[in-house]
Protein backbone atom coordinates (compact mmCIF):
# COMPACT_ATOMS: atom_id res chain seq x y z
CA MET A 1 0.06 -0.01 0.14
CA MET A 2 2.96 2.44 0.98
CA CYS A 3 5.10 1.53 -2.28
CA THR A 4 1.64 2.35 -4.74
CA LYS A 5 1.25 5.74 -2.83
CA VAL A 6 5.19 6.29 -3.60
CA MET A 7 5.03 5.21 -6.85
CA ALA A 8 1.84 7.59 -7.33
CA GLN A 9 3.30 10.13 -5.93
CA GLU A 10 6.59 10.42 -8.15
CA VAL A 11 4.52 9.91 -11.33
CA GLN A 12 3.45 13.39 -10.35
CA GLU A 13 6.26 14.64 -9.54
CA ILE A 14 7.91 13.46 -13.32
CA ALA A 15 4.80 15.34 -14.60
CA ILE A 16 5.62 18.31 -12.80
CA ALA A 17 9.48 18.34 -13.94
CA ASN A 18 8.23 17.45 -18.04
CA GLU A 19 5.67 20.33 -17.17
CA TYR A 20 9.15 22.99 -16.32
CA TYR A 21 10.87 21.44 -19.27
CA LEU A 22 8.17 22.12 -21.95
CA ARG A 23 8.15 25.54 -20.46
CA GLY A 24 11.61 26.21 -20.64
CA GLU A 25 12.12 26.95 -16.79
CA LYS A 26 15.54 24.76 -17.27
CA GLU A 27 16.80 25.46 -13.67
CA LYS A 28 13.31 24.21 -11.94
CA ALA A 29 13.13 21.26 -14.12
CA HIS A 30 16.83 20.21 -13.69
CA GLU A 31 16.45 20.01 -10.33
CA ALA A 32 13.22 18.18 -10.03
CA TYR A 33 14.79 15.70 -12.09
CA GLN A 34 17.81 15.44 -10.32
CA THR A 35 15.39 14.65 -7.15
CA LEU A 36 13.79 12.12 -9.25
CA ALA A 37 17.07 10.10 -10.59
CA LYS A 38 17.97 9.01 -7.19
CA ASN A 39 15.16 6.35 -7.55
CA PHE A 40 16.53 3.81 -10.35
CA LEU A 41 12.72 3.35 -11.19
CA ASN A 42 12.77 6.62 -12.60
CA THR A 43 15.30 6.35 -15.71
CA PRO A 44 13.14 5.32 -17.97
CA LEU A 45 10.37 8.20 -17.55
CA ILE A 46 12.95 10.69 -17.60
CA TYR A 47 16.14 10.05 -18.89
CA SER A 48 16.15 12.03 -22.23
CA ASN A 49 14.75 14.81 -20.89
CA TYR A 50 17.40 14.89 -17.50
CA ILE A 51 20.29 14.24 -19.91
CA GLY A 52 19.92 17.20 -22.48
CA LEU A 53 19.06 19.49 -19.60
CA MET A 54 22.71 18.62 -18.24
CA PHE A 55 24.30 18.99 -21.37
CA ASN A 56 22.42 22.29 -22.01
CA LEU A 57 23.35 24.00 -18.88
CA GLY A 58 26.80 22.89 -18.80
CA LYS A 59 26.56 20.24 -15.96
CA TYR A 60 29.41 17.61 -17.30
CA LYS A 61 30.42 16.37 -14.49
CA GLU A 62 26.89 15.73 -13.07
CA ALA A 63 26.05 14.21 -16.50
CA ASP A 64 29.16 12.15 -16.64
CA ALA A 65 28.53 10.60 -12.98
CA TYR A 66 25.11 9.92 -13.67
CA LEU A 67 25.69 8.19 -16.89
CA GLU A 68 29.01 6.08 -15.50
CA LYS A 69 26.20 5.09 -12.36
CA LEU A 70 23.87 3.94 -14.94
CA ILE A 71 26.74 1.98 -17.24
CA LYS A 72 27.41 0.44 -13.96
CA ARG A 73 24.30 -0.97 -13.20
CA GLU A 74 22.82 -1.62 -16.85
CA ASN A 75 25.71 -1.30 -19.69
CA LYS A 76 23.15 -0.21 -22.23
CA PHE A 77 24.06 0.87 -25.71
CA LEU A 78 22.29 4.38 -25.49
CA TYR A 79 23.93 5.55 -22.31
CA ARG A 80 27.40 4.58 -24.03
CA LEU A 81 26.79 7.11 -26.84
CA ASP A 82 25.51 9.85 -24.54
CA LEU A 83 29.18 9.48 -22.56
CA GLY A 84 30.38 9.81 -25.84
CA VAL A 85 28.47 13.02 -26.84
CA LEU A 86 29.72 14.61 -23.24
CA LEU A 87 32.84 14.18 -24.00
CA VAL A 88 32.32 16.28 -27.45
CA LYS A 89 30.07 18.48 -25.59
CA SER A 90 33.22 19.09 -22.64
CA GLY A 91 35.70 19.88 -25.44
CA GLU A 92 37.49 16.62 -25.41
CA GLN A 93 37.58 16.08 -28.65
CA GLN A 94 41.29 13.78 -29.10
CA LYS A 95 39.35 11.60 -26.01
CA ALA A 96 35.72 11.37 -27.74
CA ASN A 97 37.58 10.07 -31.26
CA LYS A 98 39.07 7.41 -29.46
CA TYR A 99 36.05 6.65 -27.63
CA PHE A 100 33.75 6.86 -30.59
CA ALA A 101 35.91 4.78 -32.55
CA ALA A 102 36.60 1.72 -30.02
CA LEU A 103 32.29 1.77 -29.72
CA PHE A 104 31.60 1.22 -33.21
CA LYS A 105 34.27 -0.32 -34.11
CA ALA A 106 33.15 -3.27 -30.74
CA ASN A 107 29.41 -2.74 -32.25
CA ALA A 108 29.92 -2.26 -35.86
CA ALA A 109 28.43 -5.97 -36.63
CA ASP A 110 24.84 -4.95 -35.49
CA VAL A 111 24.11 -3.04 -38.67
CA TYR A 112 20.25 -2.16 -36.87
CA LYS A 113 22.17 -0.75 -33.72
CA MET A 114 25.04 1.27 -36.04
CA LYS A 115 21.80 2.51 -38.02
CA SER A 116 20.09 3.83 -34.55
CA ALA A 117 23.83 5.23 -33.13
CA ALA A 118 23.44 7.66 -36.21
CA ASP A 119 19.95 8.67 -35.82
CA HIS A 120 20.85 9.68 -32.17
CA LEU A 121 23.90 11.21 -32.90
CA SER A 122 22.89 13.41 -36.04
CA ALA A 123 19.82 14.56 -33.35
CA PHE A 124 22.56 16.30 -31.34
CA SER A 125 23.97 17.69 -34.68
CA LEU A 126 26.45 15.50 -34.39
CA LEU A 127 26.74 14.41 -37.92
CA GLU A 128 30.72 13.49 -38.38
CA TYR A 129 30.39 10.82 -36.02
CA SER A 130 26.93 9.63 -37.34
CA THR A 131 28.95 9.29 -40.72
CA ARG A 132 31.45 7.08 -39.47
CA ALA A 133 29.46 5.12 -37.47
CA LEU A 134 27.76 3.80 -41.12
CA LEU A 135 31.00 4.02 -42.54
CA GLN A 136 31.95 1.50 -39.69
CA ALA A 137 29.21 -1.26 -40.24
CA ARG A 138 30.05 -0.88 -43.98
CA GLU A 139 33.61 -1.92 -43.26
CA THR A 140 32.84 -4.65 -40.83
CA THR A 141 30.15 -6.24 -42.73
CA ASP A 142 32.06 -6.01 -46.26
CA ASN A 143 29.09 -4.12 -47.61
CA PRO A 144 30.33 -1.22 -49.58
CA ASN A 145 26.80 0.46 -50.06
CA LEU A 146 25.70 -0.34 -46.61
CA PHE A 147 23.90 2.73 -45.87
CA ALA A 148 24.77 4.85 -49.32
CA LEU A 149 21.08 7.07 -48.53
CA GLU A 150 21.84 7.65 -45.01
CA LEU A 151 25.30 8.38 -45.57
CA ALA A 152 24.37 11.20 -48.86
CA ASN A 153 22.10 12.99 -46.85
CA LEU A 154 24.52 13.58 -43.99
CA TYR A 155 27.38 14.12 -46.38
CA ARG A 156 24.78 16.81 -48.11
CA LEU A 157 24.21 18.10 -44.44
CA GLN A 158 27.67 18.44 -44.03
CA GLY A 159 27.95 20.21 -47.29
CA GLN A 160 29.83 17.51 -48.85
CA LYS A 161 29.13 17.35 -52.14
CA LYS A 162 31.44 15.16 -53.20
CA GLU A 163 31.29 12.61 -51.36
CA MET A 164 27.55 13.08 -51.34
CA VAL A 165 27.42 12.44 -55.13
CA SER A 166 29.07 9.36 -54.80
CA GLU A 167 26.48 7.72 -52.09
CA TYR A 168 23.91 8.52 -54.15
CA LEU A 169 25.47 7.06 -56.59
CA ASN A 170 26.10 3.83 -54.87
CA TYR A 171 22.05 3.68 -53.85
CA VAL A 172 21.39 3.78 -57.60
CA SER A 173 23.59 1.07 -58.41
CA GLN A 174 21.30 -1.29 -56.00
CA ALA A 175 18.04 -0.78 -57.92
CA GLN A 176 17.66 0.59 -61.36
CA GLY A 177 14.24 1.85 -59.85
CA ASN A 178 16.22 4.40 -57.69
CA LEU A 179 17.22 6.42 -60.33
CA PRO A 180 14.02 8.88 -60.92
CA TYR A 181 14.59 9.56 -57.02
CA VAL A 182 18.16 10.24 -57.40
CA LYS A 183 17.83 12.04 -60.23
CA ASN A 184 15.03 14.67 -59.04
CA VAL A 185 17.78 14.84 -55.86
CA LEU A 186 20.57 15.93 -57.78
CA GLN A 187 18.72 18.33 -59.68
CA LEU A 188 17.37 20.09 -56.75
CA LEU A 189 21.13 19.87 -55.38
CA LEU A 190 23.83 20.47 -58.17
CA THR A 191 22.73 23.47 -59.38
CA LYS A 192 26.27 25.28 -60.61
CA PRO A 193 28.38 24.42 -64.01
CA ASP A 194 31.10 23.49 -61.94
CA GLU A 195 29.18 20.67 -59.78
CA LEU A 196 27.47 19.36 -62.83
CA LYS A 197 30.99 18.56 -64.44
CA ALA A 198 32.34 17.10 -61.21
CA LEU A 199 29.56 14.60 -61.62
CA GLU A 200 30.13 14.24 -65.11
CA GLU A 201 33.53 12.79 -64.54
CA VAL A 202 32.74 10.68 -61.36
CA LEU A 203 30.50 9.47 -64.35
CA TYR A 204 32.78 8.40 -66.78
CA GLN A 205 35.28 6.76 -64.05
CA ARG A 206 32.02 4.97 -62.92
CA LEU A 207 31.37 3.79 -66.27
CA GLN A 208 34.67 2.22 -66.90
CA GLU A 209 34.14 0.27 -63.50
CA THR A 210 30.90 -0.74 -63.60
CA LYS A 211 29.03 -4.07 -64.12
CA GLN A 212 25.98 -2.06 -64.52
CA PRO A 213 26.53 0.11 -67.47
CA GLU A 214 22.97 0.67 -68.58
CA THR A 215 22.03 2.87 -65.10
CA TYR A 216 25.42 5.20 -65.22
CA THR A 217 24.80 6.02 -68.96
CA ASP A 218 21.22 7.02 -68.41
CA LEU A 219 22.79 9.13 -66.09
CA LEU A 220 25.43 10.59 -67.83
CA ILE A 221 22.70 11.35 -70.29
CA TRP A 222 20.64 12.94 -67.78
CA THR A 223 23.98 14.81 -66.71
CA ASN A 224 24.51 16.72 -70.09
CA LEU A 225 20.92 17.43 -70.57
CA GLN A 226 21.07 19.32 -67.16
CA GLN A 227 23.96 21.83 -68.86
CA LYS A 228 21.95 22.00 -71.93
CA ASN A 229 25.06 20.09 -73.71
CA PHE A 230 22.69 18.22 -76.41
CA TYR A 231 25.99 16.87 -78.52
CA GLY A 232 27.24 15.47 -75.47
CA ALA A 233 23.72 13.86 -74.62
CA PHE A 234 23.15 12.57 -78.24
CA ILE A 235 27.13 11.11 -77.92
CA GLN A 236 25.61 8.94 -75.14
CA ALA A 237 22.54 8.27 -75.98
CA ARG A 238 23.82 6.48 -79.30
CA ALA A 239 26.25 4.43 -77.63
CA PHE A 240 23.32 3.59 -75.17
CA ASP A 241 20.82 2.54 -77.94
CA LYS A 242 23.83 0.46 -79.74
CA ARG A 243 24.94 -1.37 -76.92
CA PHE A 244 21.34 -1.94 -75.28
CA LYS A 245 18.85 -2.23 -77.93
CA LYS A 246 15.94 -1.21 -75.95
CA GLU A 247 12.26 -1.39 -78.07
CA GLN A 248 12.25 2.87 -77.10
CA SER A 249 15.36 4.45 -79.03
CA LYS A 250 16.55 6.66 -76.42
CA THR A 251 18.41 8.89 -79.13
CA LEU A 252 14.74 9.82 -80.41
CA GLU A 253 13.72 11.28 -76.87
CA ILE A 254 17.12 13.09 -76.95
CA GLY A 255 16.00 14.36 -80.33
CA GLN A 256 12.88 15.63 -79.02
CA ILE A 257 14.64 17.53 -76.46
CA ALA A 258 17.09 19.41 -78.49
CA LEU A 259 14.54 20.28 -80.81
CA ASN A 260 12.18 22.12 -78.24
CA ASN A 261 15.41 23.83 -77.04
CA GLN A 262 15.97 25.12 -80.42
CA ASP A 263 19.52 22.95 -80.79
CA TYR A 264 18.21 22.08 -84.56
CA GLU A 265 21.50 20.79 -85.32
CA ASN A 266 21.98 18.02 -82.47
CA ALA A 267 17.88 17.19 -82.98
CA ILE A 268 18.55 16.73 -86.88
CA ARG A 269 21.74 13.85 -85.49
CA CYS A 270 19.39 12.44 -83.27
CA PHE A 271 17.00 11.95 -85.58
CA GLY A 272 19.07 10.87 -88.52
CA PHE A 273 20.60 8.21 -86.25
CA VAL A 274 17.13 6.71 -85.78
CA THR A 275 16.33 6.83 -88.91
CA LYS A 276 18.92 4.88 -89.89
CA GLU A 277 19.14 2.50 -86.80
CA TYR A 278 15.51 2.08 -86.34
CA ALA A 279 14.61 1.37 -89.68
CA ASN A 280 11.67 -1.30 -89.10
CA THR A 281 10.43 0.08 -85.98
CA GLU A 282 7.53 2.36 -84.03
CA ASN A 283 10.87 5.23 -83.52
CA PHE A 284 11.20 5.56 -87.40
CA LEU A 285 8.08 7.71 -88.07
CA PRO A 286 8.84 10.26 -85.37
CA ALA A 287 12.32 10.39 -86.26
CA GLN A 288 11.80 11.23 -90.14
CA LEU A 289 8.78 13.48 -89.13
CA GLY A 290 11.55 15.26 -86.69
CA ILE A 291 14.35 15.67 -89.28
CA ILE A 292 11.76 18.31 -91.28
CA LYS A 293 10.78 19.62 -88.28
CA ALA A 294 14.21 20.44 -87.37
CA GLN A 295 14.84 21.32 -90.90
CA GLU A 296 11.40 23.96 -90.80
CA SER A 297 12.70 25.11 -87.78
CA LYS A 298 16.22 25.92 -88.78
CA VAL A 299 14.67 28.18 -92.05
CA LYS A 300 12.11 29.95 -89.71
CA LYS A 301 14.88 31.18 -87.48
CA THR A 302 17.40 32.64 -90.39
CA PHE A 303 16.14 36.09 -91.56
CA PRO A 304 15.19 36.83 -94.16
CA VAL A 305 13.38 33.56 -94.19
CA ASN A 306 13.70 31.63 -97.85
CA ARG A 307 10.91 31.04 -100.09
CA ASP A 308 12.80 28.42 -101.71
CA SER A 309 13.44 26.63 -98.63
CA VAL A 310 9.96 26.81 -97.19
CA LYS A 311 8.77 25.13 -100.71
CA TYR A 312 11.44 22.32 -100.35
CA LEU A 313 10.17 21.72 -96.77
CA ILE A 314 6.20 21.98 -97.64
CA ASN A 315 7.82 19.35 -100.72
CA GLU A 316 9.55 16.82 -97.58
CA TYR A 317 5.94 17.08 -95.53
CA ASN A 318 3.84 16.37 -98.71
CA THR A 319 6.04 12.93 -99.49
CA PHE A 320 6.06 12.18 -96.09
CA GLN A 321 1.95 12.29 -96.25
CA GLN A 322 1.70 10.36 -99.02
CA ARG A 323 4.33 7.78 -97.68
CA TYR A 324 2.54 7.37 -94.53
CA THR A 325 -0.92 8.45 -95.26
CA ASN A 326 -2.90 6.25 -92.40
CA GLN A 327 -0.18 7.32 -89.97
CA PRO A 328 -0.74 9.60 -87.09
CA GLY A 329 2.45 11.85 -88.10
CA ALA A 330 0.64 12.31 -91.72
CA ASP A 331 -1.69 14.34 -90.12
CA GLU A 332 0.76 16.40 -87.61
CA ALA A 333 3.11 16.67 -91.28
CA GLN A 334 -0.33 18.48 -92.97
CA ILE A 335 -1.07 20.74 -90.24
CA SER A 336 2.77 21.59 -90.89
CA GLU A 337 2.43 22.03 -94.41
CA ALA A 338 -0.89 23.89 -93.85
CA ILE A 339 1.25 26.79 -91.62
CA LEU A 340 4.16 27.22 -94.43
CA TYR A 341 1.39 27.84 -96.61
CA ALA A 342 0.08 30.72 -94.85
CA TYR A 343 2.57 32.28 -93.09
CA TYR A 344 5.22 32.03 -95.54
CA LEU A 345 4.21 31.72 -99.20
CA ASP A 346 0.72 34.01 -98.73
CA GLN A 347 -1.25 31.13 -99.70
CA LYS A 348 -3.93 31.44 -97.22
CA ASP A 349 -6.62 29.09 -99.71
CA SER A 350 -4.07 25.91 -99.76
CA ALA A 351 -4.10 26.05 -96.13
CA SER A 352 -7.84 26.54 -95.19
CA ASN A 353 -8.12 23.66 -97.86
CA LEU A 354 -5.57 21.32 -95.76
CA LEU A 355 -7.32 22.01 -92.66
CA THR A 356 -10.66 21.85 -93.47
CA ARG A 357 -9.84 18.50 -94.96
CA LEU A 358 -8.38 17.60 -91.83
CA ILE A 359 -11.16 18.65 -89.60
CA LYS A 360 -13.78 16.54 -91.41
CA LYS A 361 -11.02 13.33 -91.55
CA THR A 362 -13.13 10.67 -89.93
CA ASN A 363 -10.34 8.68 -88.23
CA ALA A 364 -8.45 11.67 -87.35
CA SER A 365 -8.04 12.14 -83.66
CA ALA A 366 -9.70 14.78 -80.98
CA GLN A 367 -6.46 16.06 -80.12
CA THR A 368 -5.75 16.47 -84.34
CA ILE A 369 -8.86 18.03 -85.01
CA ALA A 370 -8.95 20.67 -81.95
CA GLN A 371 -5.29 21.98 -83.12
CA ALA A 372 -6.40 22.11 -86.91
CA LYS A 373 -8.94 24.19 -85.85
CA ILE A 374 -6.93 26.46 -83.69
CA ASN A 375 -4.39 26.48 -87.29
CA LEU A 376 -7.54 27.35 -89.30
CA GLY A 377 -8.68 29.86 -86.60
CA ASP A 378 -5.34 31.73 -86.91
CA ILE A 379 -5.59 31.65 -90.86
CA TYR A 380 -9.24 33.65 -90.68
CA LEU A 381 -7.41 35.79 -88.79
CA LEU A 382 -4.76 36.74 -91.31
CA LYS A 383 -7.73 36.65 -93.93
CA GLY A 384 -9.36 39.44 -91.58
CA GLU A 385 -12.19 37.46 -90.40
CA PRO A 386 -11.81 37.12 -86.53
CA TRP A 387 -15.77 36.17 -86.29
CA GLU A 388 -14.82 32.98 -87.85
CA SER A 389 -11.45 32.53 -85.80
CA THR A 390 -13.38 33.17 -82.62
CA LEU A 391 -15.92 30.76 -83.53
CA LEU A 392 -13.22 27.92 -83.95
CA TYR A 393 -11.40 29.26 -80.86
CA SER A 394 -14.40 28.43 -78.96
CA GLN A 395 -15.56 25.44 -80.18
CA VAL A 396 -11.67 24.15 -79.37
CA GLU A 397 -12.33 25.60 -75.58
CA LYS A 398 -15.28 23.40 -75.16
CA THR A 399 -14.48 20.54 -76.20
CA GLN A 400 -10.85 21.11 -74.60
CA HIS A 401 -11.54 22.21 -71.36
CA GLU A 402 -8.50 22.03 -69.00
CA SER A 403 -6.22 20.52 -71.61
CA PRO A 404 -3.29 22.77 -72.75
CA LEU A 405 -5.05 22.75 -76.25
CA GLY A 406 -7.88 24.09 -74.34
CA TYR A 407 -5.79 27.02 -72.96
CA GLU A 408 -4.06 27.40 -76.02
CA ALA A 409 -7.35 28.47 -77.83
CA LYS A 410 -8.58 30.18 -74.57
CA LEU A 411 -5.02 32.28 -74.81
CA ARG A 412 -5.96 32.57 -78.66
CA ASN A 413 -9.29 34.21 -77.86
CA ALA A 414 -8.04 36.64 -75.08
CA LYS A 415 -5.28 37.69 -77.82
CA LEU A 416 -8.20 38.42 -80.29
CA TRP A 417 -9.94 40.34 -77.98
CA TYR A 418 -6.77 42.88 -77.50
CA PHE A 419 -6.08 43.23 -80.94
CA ASN A 420 -9.46 44.24 -80.94
CA GLY A 421 -9.30 46.90 -78.38
CA ASP A 422 -11.44 45.00 -76.21
CA PHE A 423 -9.25 44.94 -73.30
CA LYS A 424 -11.82 43.99 -70.73
CA LEU A 425 -13.16 40.99 -72.33
CA ALA A 426 -9.07 40.05 -72.89
CA GLN A 427 -8.24 41.00 -69.12
CA GLU A 428 -11.08 38.26 -68.15
CA HIS A 429 -9.80 35.34 -69.92
CA LEU A 430 -5.95 36.40 -69.12
CA ASP A 431 -7.03 36.15 -65.64
CA ILE A 432 -8.24 32.29 -65.63
CA LEU A 433 -4.85 32.01 -67.70
CA LYS A 434 -2.63 32.91 -65.42
CA GLN A 435 -3.80 29.65 -64.08
CA ALA A 436 -2.72 27.80 -66.77
CA THR A 437 -0.80 24.02 -66.35
CA SER A 438 1.20 24.91 -69.32
CA ARG A 439 4.02 27.39 -67.77
CA GLU A 440 4.50 28.84 -71.14
CA ILE A 441 0.80 29.77 -71.65
CA ALA A 442 0.87 31.06 -68.09
CA ASN A 443 3.45 33.34 -68.52
CA ASP A 444 2.16 35.18 -72.55
CA ALA A 445 -1.05 35.70 -70.36
CA MET A 446 0.67 37.19 -67.71
CA GLU A 447 3.09 39.44 -69.39
CA LEU A 448 0.12 40.63 -72.09
CA SER A 449 -2.30 41.35 -68.62
CA MET A 450 0.34 43.24 -66.99
CA ARG A 451 0.77 45.23 -70.30
CA ILE A 452 -3.01 46.15 -70.81
CA LYS A 453 -2.94 46.68 -66.64
CA GLU A 454 -0.35 49.51 -66.74
CA ASN A 455 -1.79 51.46 -69.55
CA ILE A 456 -5.05 51.37 -68.87
CA ALA A 457 -3.65 52.99 -65.71
CA ALA A 458 -1.78 55.46 -67.37
CA ASP A 459 -4.65 55.95 -69.76
CA SER A 460 -8.52 54.87 -69.19
CA ASN A 461 -9.62 55.09 -72.17
CA GLY A 462 -6.60 52.88 -73.86
CA THR A 463 -6.08 55.08 -76.55
CA ALA A 464 -2.77 54.25 -77.40
CA LEU A 465 -2.39 50.53 -76.32
CA LYS A 466 -5.38 50.18 -79.20
CA GLU A 467 -3.40 51.75 -81.71
CA PHE A 468 0.14 49.63 -80.34
CA ALA A 469 -2.46 46.61 -80.55
CA SER A 470 -3.31 46.89 -84.28
CA ILE A 471 -0.08 47.00 -84.68
CA GLU A 472 0.50 43.88 -83.09
CA LEU A 473 -2.22 42.35 -85.24
CA LEU A 474 -0.42 43.67 -88.50
CA VAL A 475 2.09 41.70 -87.57
CA TYR A 476 0.50 38.43 -86.59
CA GLN A 477 -1.71 38.96 -90.33
CA ASN A 478 2.41 38.48 -91.41
CA LYS A 479 1.73 42.20 -92.72
CA LEU A 480 5.51 43.18 -91.47
CA ASP A 481 6.49 46.38 -93.81
CA GLU A 482 2.97 48.15 -93.25
CA ALA A 483 3.41 47.38 -89.49
CA LEU A 484 6.59 48.40 -89.14
CA ASP A 485 5.74 51.73 -91.03
CA ASN A 486 2.65 52.08 -88.55
CA LEU A 487 5.10 50.96 -85.57
CA GLN A 488 8.12 53.90 -86.82
CA HIS A 489 4.71 56.41 -87.27
CA PHE A 490 3.31 55.42 -83.36
CA GLN A 491 6.97 55.59 -81.64
CA SER A 492 7.71 59.46 -82.82
CA ALA A 493 4.13 60.50 -81.64
CA LYS A 494 5.72 59.82 -77.97
CA THR A 495 2.23 59.20 -77.38
CA SER A 496 2.72 56.58 -74.24
CA PRO A 497 5.62 56.51 -72.12
CA GLN A 498 4.64 53.57 -70.42
CA ILE A 499 4.60 50.89 -74.14
CA THR A 500 7.83 52.24 -75.33
CA ASP A 501 9.73 49.23 -74.29
CA ASP A 502 7.57 47.14 -75.84
CA VAL A 503 7.36 49.63 -79.33
CA TYR A 504 11.24 49.13 -79.38
CA TRP A 505 10.65 45.32 -78.90
CA LEU A 506 8.38 44.56 -81.20
CA GLU A 507 10.43 47.17 -83.74
CA ALA A 508 13.37 45.15 -83.02
CA ASN A 509 12.03 41.87 -83.51
CA LEU A 510 10.53 43.27 -87.16
CA LEU A 511 13.90 44.80 -88.31
CA MET A 512 15.62 41.41 -87.51
CA LYS A 513 12.74 39.27 -89.69
CA ARG A 514 13.68 41.92 -92.71
CA GLY A 515 17.02 40.99 -92.23
CA LYS A 516 18.22 44.52 -90.64
CA PHE A 517 20.73 43.24 -88.39
CA ASP A 518 22.39 46.21 -87.14
CA GLU A 519 19.43 48.36 -86.60
CA SER A 520 17.62 45.61 -84.76
CA ILE A 521 20.59 45.43 -82.68
CA ALA A 522 20.27 49.21 -81.86
CA GLN A 523 16.49 48.99 -80.93
CA LEU A 524 17.58 46.03 -78.43
CA GLN A 525 20.25 48.66 -76.98
CA LYS A 526 17.21 50.80 -76.37
CA ILE A 527 15.93 49.05 -73.81
CA ILE A 528 18.88 47.98 -72.44
CA ASN A 529 19.75 51.87 -71.84
CA GLU A 530 16.78 53.09 -70.48
CA PHE A 531 14.56 50.21 -69.68
CA GLY A 532 17.60 48.49 -67.97
CA ASN A 533 15.48 47.22 -64.91
CA ASP A 534 12.57 46.45 -66.19
CA ILE A 535 11.03 42.99 -67.58
CA LEU A 536 12.06 43.15 -71.26
CA ALA A 537 15.80 44.17 -70.63
CA ASP A 538 17.35 40.42 -70.29
CA ASP A 539 15.34 39.43 -73.34
CA ALA A 540 16.54 42.52 -75.01
CA TYR A 541 20.56 41.53 -74.31
CA PHE A 542 19.95 37.88 -74.87
CA LEU A 543 18.37 38.27 -78.69
CA GLN A 544 21.82 40.83 -79.32
CA GLY A 545 23.64 37.35 -78.69
CA ASP A 546 21.41 35.69 -80.55
CA ILE A 547 21.31 37.53 -83.59
CA TYR A 548 25.39 37.91 -83.51
CA GLU A 549 25.44 34.39 -83.16
CA HIS A 550 23.13 32.90 -85.63
CA GLN A 551 22.62 35.82 -88.01
CA LEU A 552 25.79 37.67 -88.14
CA LYS A 553 27.95 34.58 -87.55
CA ASN A 554 30.09 36.91 -85.03
CA LYS A 555 30.77 34.17 -82.60
CA ASP A 556 33.20 36.64 -80.50
CA LYS A 557 31.01 39.05 -80.12
CA ALA A 558 28.16 36.26 -79.02
CA MET A 559 30.86 34.77 -76.65
CA GLU A 560 30.75 38.23 -74.80
CA ILE A 561 27.55 39.33 -75.01
CA TYR A 562 26.60 35.89 -73.16
CA ARG A 563 29.70 35.67 -70.76
CA ASP A 564 28.68 39.44 -69.50
CA PHE A 565 24.43 38.35 -69.94
CA LEU A 566 25.78 35.50 -66.54
CA THR A 567 26.83 38.38 -64.56
CA LYS A 568 24.06 40.80 -65.17
CA TYR A 569 21.14 38.71 -65.30
CA PRO A 570 22.18 35.60 -63.28
CA GLY A 571 18.52 34.86 -62.29
CA SER A 572 17.23 35.64 -65.55
CA VAL A 573 15.03 32.73 -67.72
CA TYR A 574 17.70 32.87 -70.09
CA ALA A 575 20.56 32.44 -68.06
CA ALA A 576 21.21 28.30 -68.29
CA GLU A 577 21.33 28.78 -72.38
CA ALA A 578 23.78 31.62 -71.88
CA ARG A 579 25.43 29.63 -70.03
CA LYS A 580 25.36 26.78 -72.42
CA ARG A 581 25.88 28.57 -75.67
CA PHE A 582 28.74 30.48 -74.39
CA ARG A 583 30.41 26.98 -73.21
CA LEU A 584 29.37 25.77 -76.62
CA LEU A 585 31.05 28.87 -78.61
CA ARG A 586 34.39 28.20 -76.43
CA GLY A 587 34.05 24.79 -77.51
CA ASP A 588 33.81 23.32 -73.78
CA PHE A 589 31.41 20.34 -74.78
CA GLU A 590 33.81 19.43 -77.53
CA GLU A 591 36.90 18.85 -75.48
CA LYS A 592 34.40 16.85 -73.60
CA ILE A 593 33.69 14.96 -75.69
CA ALA A 594 37.55 14.09 -77.08
CA GLN A 595 38.77 13.21 -73.72
C-alpha cells in the first residue's frame, strides 16, 4: 500500500518536472529531475529530458557521474553513446574520437544498432560521428553500398557534395528503380556548372569500372541534358541504343528535347541516327518527321526567310503524308504544311483547304482536330475574318476544357479581343490563363495582362494601347512592312511612355525578320539603356547575342554578350541557355567529348 502511494507520488513529480521542461524553466526542471534520478526506476521516464538538460546547462561532471552510474547498473548502448556525446560537449575532442572509434568497432556487426547510433548522434548535430558509425558498419560487414542513402543525406547536411554524389550513385547501383529519385535529388542539389561537370567526370569513371553500365550511361545522358549539352547527350544516347537495343530509342527522346530547346543541328543528328538504326520500328516515323521539323525550325530562324527553302519543306511534308497516309504523323505533317503555306507563301486558301480536310477526317484524333481548328482560326485572322476565328477557338475551348489545347485556344481568344481593343474581355480570359498548367501559356497571359493594366492605369481609354495592339495584329497577319511603318509613326508620336519598351522590342523583332540586323541590335540597345531594370531588359540583351551568333555569325561578339549576360542577369530564365551557348562557342563540349 505504501509502495503504491510512493509510486503515484513520483509519477506526479515527473509530470511537474516535464511541465517545467516544456515551459523552458530549465533550472526548476533540472532540480526536479535531479531528485527523481535518485530512484533508478524513474530512469526510463526522465532520462532523455534529464541528460539533455545537463548537456544544455553545461553540467558535465554531473552528467558524467549519472552516466557512469547507469552504465554500471545497466550497460545500455544508449548510455555509452551519450558518454561519447558528453566528451564532445565538454571539449575533449581527442578522447571523444578514440572513444567513439572503439565503441563503433565493438558494435559494427549489428547494423541496426549502428543505424540507431547514427540517428541518435544526428539529433545532437554530431553529423561527423553519425557518418563514422555508418562507415564502420559498412567496413565491418564488407558491404560497400550499405547505408548509401543515409550517408548521402549526412554528407549533404555537411556540405560535402563530392562524397554525397558518390553515395547517391551507390544507392542507384543497388536498384534501377532508385534512378528517378536520385535524378530528382541531384537536380535540386547540383545547381552550379562545376558541380555538374564534376558529376560527369565521376560517371565516366564509374562507367569504366562498373558491371552496370546501363544505369550510369542513363545518368550520364541526364547530366549532359542538365547542362544543355545536347551533343554530349546524343553521343551517350547513341552508345546506349547501340549497346542495349531497347525497344524505345533513347536517342529519339534526346532529339525531341534538343528540338524543343531549339538546338536544331543536334536534333537532326539524333533523328538521323534513329532513321538508320531503327528503320523497321515504331521509332522510325517520329524520327523522320522530326528531321523535317528541325529543318523547318532552322529555316524559320534564318532571316529573311527563304521562300525556296519553304517550298522544299512543303514538298518534304507532302511526300511524308503520301508515304505514310494512315499514320498519325501524317496528320501532324499536314498541319505543318498548312502553316507554311499561310505564313511564308501567303497562300491562305491552300492552307485553309488542308486544315478543313483534316477537320473533316473521320479517323483523325480529337486532339488533332482541335489543333487543326486552332490553326484554321489563325488563318481566318490572317484573312481579316476574326469572327470565324473566335468561333473556332471557342469550339476548342469547349471540347478541350482544362487541357493544354483548351488553354491555348483561350489564349488565342484573349489575344483576339486584345487586338480588337476590347481590353476588359481580354483581361477576363487572361486572369483565368494565369493559372494554366502550361508555364509558357501562363507566362504569356501574365505578360499581356500586365501590359494592359499598366497602360489602362495611365490612360483609362487605352487609346495608345489600342493603336499599338492594331500594329501587333498586322504583325500577326504577316503584314510586316505595314506594321513597321505604322510602328515607326507611332513611336515618333510619343503618345504613351508606358509602352515605349514594348515598341522598341516589337520594332527590333520586325527589323530582325527583315534582315536589318544592325538596326535591330540598336533598338534592343535602347531597351537596355532606357529600361535596364524592366522586364524586357534581359530579353533584349539575350536576343542581341542570338543575332550575333546565328545571323551575323560573329562568334566572338556573341561569346562576349553571353558572358556579360550571366553577370548582369544571373536570375534570368535565359541564364542556363546563355551559359550553354557560351560554353559551346568556347569549345567546352567538344573537348569533353574527345576525352
